[in-house]
Amino acid sequence: MTDDQIDERIAEACGWTEVGECENGGFRLRGFPPNRHEAHRKPIPNYCTDLNAMAEAELTMTQAQWAYFVVKLAELTRQPGRCDIPAQILLQATARQRAEAFLKAVEKWEGGK
C-alpha cells in the first residue's frame, strides 16, 4: 500500500469522514475529523511519518487489537534470524511500521491480515 492509501485507511478507521483529495489543490488528503462539526474538510494526519499522529490512532484500538498490534509490530521490526524481540526494537519502530501494524490489527490492511 502507498503512504496515501495507508493514511486514508487509518483516518477512516479513526472516524474521519469524506476522506479524499482536495478538489482545488493544496493538501493531498482532507476529510472531516471525528466528533467535530466543521464547515470545511481539514487535512488528515500524515500517519506514515508522524509518531504523534500514530499515538493518537493507537488510542482508538481495543485491548484485543492492541495485542494483535504488538504481534504485527514485532514481525515488522524483527531482524532476520532473531528469535528474541527486545523492547527497544518495538519502542523504536517507525511511524510507517506502526501504521502498517495498526491497519493489520484493525483488519483494514489491503490484502487482509
Protein backbone atom coordinates (compact mmCIF):
# COMPACT_ATOMS: atom_id res chain seq x y z
CA MET A 1 0.00 0.00 0.00
CA THR A 2 1.14 3.56 -0.64
CA ASP A 3 1.57 6.05 2.19
CA ASP A 4 -1.51 7.96 0.96
CA GLN A 5 -3.60 4.76 0.98
CA ILE A 6 -2.37 3.94 4.49
CA ASP A 7 -3.08 7.46 5.76
CA GLU A 8 -6.57 7.38 4.26
CA ARG A 9 -7.46 4.00 5.79
CA ILE A 10 -6.13 4.96 9.22
CA ALA A 11 -8.07 8.24 9.12
CA GLU A 12 -11.26 6.36 8.26
CA ALA A 13 -10.58 3.76 10.98
CA CYS A 14 -10.21 6.65 13.45
CA GLY A 15 -13.57 8.14 12.47
CA TRP A 16 -12.68 10.70 9.80
CA THR A 17 -15.39 11.00 7.15
CA GLU A 18 -15.46 12.01 3.49
CA VAL A 19 -11.71 11.49 3.18
CA GLY A 20 -10.32 12.25 -0.25
CA GLU A 21 -8.13 14.50 -2.32
CA CYS A 22 -8.65 18.25 -2.14
CA GLU A 23 -10.63 19.49 -5.13
CA ASN A 24 -8.67 22.74 -5.54
CA GLY A 25 -5.12 21.56 -4.82
CA GLY A 26 -3.34 22.15 -1.57
CA PHE A 27 -3.09 19.30 0.90
CA ARG A 28 -3.10 15.81 -0.57
CA LEU A 29 -5.90 14.30 1.57
CA ARG A 30 -8.65 16.02 3.51
CA GLY A 31 -11.70 14.98 5.47
CA PHE A 32 -13.97 15.79 8.35
CA PRO A 33 -12.39 14.98 11.74
CA PRO A 34 -14.18 12.59 14.12
CA ASN A 35 -16.62 14.06 16.65
CA ARG A 36 -16.27 17.56 15.25
CA HIS A 37 -18.68 19.67 13.31
CA GLU A 38 -16.56 21.51 10.75
CA ALA A 39 -17.78 23.54 7.80
CA HIS A 40 -14.81 22.52 5.66
CA ARG A 41 -12.70 19.41 5.32
CA LYS A 42 -9.36 19.50 7.14
CA PRO A 43 -6.03 17.89 6.20
CA ILE A 44 -5.81 14.38 7.64
CA PRO A 45 -2.73 13.49 9.69
CA ASN A 46 0.27 12.01 7.93
CA TYR A 47 0.29 8.79 9.92
CA CYS A 48 3.18 7.25 7.96
CA THR A 49 5.66 9.91 9.08
CA ASP A 50 4.22 11.33 12.31
CA LEU A 51 4.67 9.34 15.52
CA ASN A 52 2.31 11.72 17.37
CA ALA A 53 -0.44 11.03 14.83
CA MET A 54 0.13 7.30 15.24
CA ALA A 55 -0.06 7.63 19.02
CA GLU A 56 -3.49 9.24 18.60
CA ALA A 57 -4.61 6.48 16.23
CA GLU A 58 -3.40 3.78 18.61
CA LEU A 59 -5.69 5.19 21.32
CA THR A 60 -8.67 4.01 19.25
CA MET A 61 -7.76 0.32 19.44
CA THR A 62 -9.45 -2.23 21.70
CA GLN A 63 -7.40 -4.43 24.05
CA ALA A 64 -7.64 -7.33 21.59
CA GLN A 65 -6.46 -5.09 18.75
CA TRP A 66 -3.55 -3.91 20.91
CA ALA A 67 -2.40 -7.48 21.44
CA TYR A 68 -2.52 -8.16 17.70
CA PHE A 69 -0.82 -4.79 17.02
CA VAL A 70 2.15 -5.76 19.20
CA VAL A 71 2.50 -9.10 17.41
CA LYS A 72 2.40 -7.43 13.98
CA LEU A 73 4.80 -4.69 15.07
CA ALA A 74 7.21 -7.33 16.35
CA GLU A 75 7.06 -9.09 12.97
CA LEU A 76 7.72 -5.84 11.11
CA THR A 77 10.66 -4.77 13.29
CA ARG A 78 12.31 -8.13 13.90
CA GLN A 79 15.73 -8.53 12.38
CA PRO A 80 16.12 -11.64 10.23
CA GLY A 81 17.30 -14.65 12.20
CA ARG A 82 16.45 -13.21 15.62
CA CYS A 83 14.15 -15.20 17.83
CA ASP A 84 14.00 -12.66 20.67
CA ILE A 85 12.24 -9.31 20.48
CA PRO A 86 13.87 -6.73 22.75
CA ALA A 87 11.52 -3.98 23.89
CA GLN A 88 13.90 -1.45 22.33
CA ILE A 89 13.03 -2.73 18.84
CA LEU A 90 9.30 -2.18 19.47
CA LEU A 91 9.82 1.21 21.08
CA GLN A 92 11.96 2.42 18.18
CA ALA A 93 9.51 1.34 15.47
CA THR A 94 9.00 3.96 12.79
CA ALA A 95 5.68 5.67 12.20
CA ARG A 96 5.39 3.72 8.92
CA GLN A 97 5.89 0.39 10.73
CA ARG A 98 3.35 1.37 13.39
CA ALA A 99 0.88 2.43 10.67
CA GLU A 100 1.13 -0.94 8.93
CA ALA A 101 0.78 -2.84 12.21
CA PHE A 102 -2.22 -0.67 13.14
CA LEU A 103 -4.05 -1.41 9.90
CA LYS A 104 -3.36 -5.12 10.29
CA ALA A 105 -4.64 -5.00 13.88
CA VAL A 106 -7.89 -3.30 12.88
CA GLU A 107 -8.19 -5.54 9.80
CA LYS A 108 -8.01 -2.70 7.25
CA TRP A 109 -4.71 -3.68 5.61
CA GLU A 110 -5.06 -4.26 1.87
CA GLY A 111 -4.99 -7.98 1.23
CA GLY A 112 -6.20 -8.95 4.71
CA LYS A 113 -4.03 -9.65 7.72
